[in-house]
């Protein structure tokens, strides 16, 4: 396994562990959006920029965008 793939696998594993830890109650759209955005952003950042910096930066940006979209949906539902 090459270094970029190792970092991507580690990031996905951590995201999955955090997601499973949050299964005790129904997650809000903001929580789901944060998790999904982090995974998709990490994949996109790794594909576009490569390396751990691209993966981490993409995950951070994706989490932020996903959280904002989910929070907007939560507010519309109320």
C-alpha atoms as a PDB file:
ATOM      1  CA  UNK A   1       0.000   0.000   0.000  1.00  0.00           C
ATOM      2  CA  UNK A   2       1.495   3.340  -1.026  1.00  0.00           C
ATOM      3  CA  UNK A   3       1.728   6.300   1.318  1.00  0.00           C
ATOM      4  CA  UNK A   4      -1.223   8.301  -0.126  1.00  0.00           C
ATOM      5  CA  UNK A   5      -3.433   5.238   0.015  1.00  0.00           C
ATOM      6  CA  UNK A   6      -2.376   4.571   3.592  1.00  0.00           C
ATOM      7  CA  UNK A   7      -3.345   8.110   4.632  1.00  0.00           C
ATOM      8  CA  UNK A   8      -6.650   7.858   2.817  1.00  0.00           C
ATOM      9  CA  UNK A   9      -7.401   4.517   4.455  1.00  0.00           C
ATOM     10  CA  UNK A  10      -6.541   5.950   7.856  1.00  0.00           C
ATOM     11  CA  UNK A  11      -8.798   8.984   7.334  1.00  0.00           C
ATOM     12  CA  UNK A  12     -11.680   6.794   6.170  1.00  0.00           C
ATOM     13  CA  UNK A  13     -11.197   4.448   9.127  1.00  0.00           C
ATOM     14  CA  UNK A  14     -11.271   7.317  11.604  1.00  0.00           C
ATOM     15  CA  UNK A  15     -14.370   8.801   9.973  1.00  0.00           C
ATOM     16  CA  UNK A  16     -16.107   5.413  10.095  1.00  0.00           C
ATOM     17  CA  UNK A  17     -15.211   4.943  13.764  1.00  0.00           C
ATOM     18  CA  UNK A  18     -16.580   8.372  14.626  1.00  0.00           C
ATOM     19  CA  UNK A  19     -19.732   7.701  12.628  1.00  0.00           C
ATOM     20  CA  UNK A  20     -20.325   4.411  14.425  1.00  0.00           C
ATOM     21  CA  UNK A  21     -19.802   6.123  17.773  1.00  0.00           C
ATOM     22  CA  UNK A  22     -22.574   8.564  16.957  1.00  0.00           C
ATOM     23  CA  UNK A  23     -25.141   5.842  16.285  1.00  0.00           C
ATOM     24  CA  UNK A  24     -26.552   5.978  19.811  1.00  0.00           C
ATOM     25  CA  UNK A  25     -29.224   8.437  18.671  1.00  0.00           C
ATOM     26  CA  UNK A  26     -30.633   9.752  15.415  1.00  0.00           C
ATOM     27  CA  UNK A  27     -28.055  12.103  13.922  1.00  0.00           C
ATOM     28  CA  UNK A  28     -29.024  15.523  12.667  1.00  0.00           C
ATOM     29  CA  UNK A  29     -28.547  16.483   9.046  1.00  0.00           C
ATOM     30  CA  UNK A  30     -25.641  18.689  10.135  1.00  0.00           C
ATOM     31  CA  UNK A  31     -23.870  15.709  11.708  1.00  0.00           C
ATOM     32  CA  UNK A  32     -24.455  13.498   8.685  1.00  0.00           C
ATOM     33  CA  UNK A  33     -23.382  16.290   6.343  1.00  0.00           C
ATOM     34  CA  UNK A  34     -20.170  16.815   8.297  1.00  0.00           C
ATOM     35  CA  UNK A  35     -19.220  13.138   8.087  1.00  0.00           C
ATOM     36  CA  UNK A  36     -20.139  12.670   4.457  1.00  0.00           C
ATOM     37  CA  UNK A  37     -18.505  15.957   3.485  1.00  0.00           C
ATOM     38  CA  UNK A  38     -15.276  15.004   5.246  1.00  0.00           C
ATOM     39  CA  UNK A  39     -15.039  11.659   3.465  1.00  0.00           C
ATOM     40  CA  UNK A  40     -15.934  13.046   0.026  1.00  0.00           C
ATOM     41  CA  UNK A  41     -13.673  16.074   0.519  1.00  0.00           C
ATOM     42  CA  UNK A  42     -10.787  13.858   1.609  1.00  0.00           C
ATOM     43  CA  UNK A  43     -11.182  11.678  -1.458  1.00  0.00           C
ATOM     44  CA  UNK A  44     -11.415  14.687  -3.757  1.00  0.00           C
ATOM     45  CA  UNK A  45      -8.472  16.446  -2.110  1.00  0.00           C
ATOM     46  CA  UNK A  46      -6.321  13.353  -2.465  1.00  0.00           C
ATOM     47  CA  UNK A  47      -7.318  12.883  -6.100  1.00  0.00           C
ATOM     48  CA  UNK A  48      -6.734  16.523  -7.045  1.00  0.00           C
ATOM     49  CA  UNK A  49      -3.737  17.546  -4.951  1.00  0.00           C
ATOM     50  CA  UNK A  50      -2.366  14.205  -3.758  1.00  0.00           C
ATOM     51  CA  UNK A  51      -0.537  13.554  -0.547  1.00  0.00           C
ATOM     52  CA  UNK A  52      -1.647  13.961   3.029  1.00  0.00           C
ATOM     53  CA  UNK A  53      -1.960  17.739   2.833  1.00  0.00           C
ATOM     54  CA  UNK A  54      -4.464  17.469  -0.026  1.00  0.00           C
ATOM     55  CA  UNK A  55      -6.410  14.764   1.787  1.00  0.00           C
ATOM     56  CA  UNK A  56      -6.573  16.639   5.092  1.00  0.00           C
ATOM     57  CA  UNK A  57      -7.357  19.968   3.445  1.00  0.00           C
ATOM     58  CA  UNK A  58     -10.079  18.395   1.313  1.00  0.00           C
ATOM     59  CA  UNK A  59     -11.554  16.643   4.338  1.00  0.00           C
ATOM     60  CA  UNK A  60     -11.631  19.874   6.328  1.00  0.00           C
ATOM     61  CA  UNK A  61     -13.241  21.825   3.494  1.00  0.00           C
ATOM     62  CA  UNK A  62     -15.732  19.040   2.796  1.00  0.00           C
ATOM     63  CA  UNK A  63     -16.687  18.789   6.470  1.00  0.00           C
ATOM     64  CA  UNK A  64     -17.307  22.528   6.628  1.00  0.00           C
ATOM     65  CA  UNK A  65     -19.443  22.582   3.498  1.00  0.00           C
ATOM     66  CA  UNK A  66     -21.335  19.425   4.497  1.00  0.00           C
ATOM     67  CA  UNK A  67     -22.046  20.812   7.951  1.00  0.00           C
ATOM     68  CA  UNK A  68     -23.430  24.068   6.563  1.00  0.00           C
ATOM     69  CA  UNK A  69     -25.679  22.263   4.074  1.00  0.00           C
ATOM     70  CA  UNK A  70     -26.945  19.885   6.756  1.00  0.00           C
ATOM     71  CA  UNK A  71     -27.540  22.703   9.218  1.00  0.00           C
ATOM     72  CA  UNK A  72     -29.558  24.572   6.599  1.00  0.00           C
ATOM     73  CA  UNK A  73     -31.710  21.475   6.052  1.00  0.00           C
ATOM     74  CA  UNK A  74     -32.198  21.070   9.799  1.00  0.00           C
ATOM     75  CA  UNK A  75     -33.415  24.667  10.089  1.00  0.00           C
ATOM     76  CA  UNK A  76     -35.823  24.257   7.174  1.00  0.00           C
ATOM     77  CA  UNK A  77     -37.306  21.127   8.719  1.00  0.00           C
ATOM     78  CA  UNK A  78     -38.278  22.944  11.952  1.00  0.00           C
END
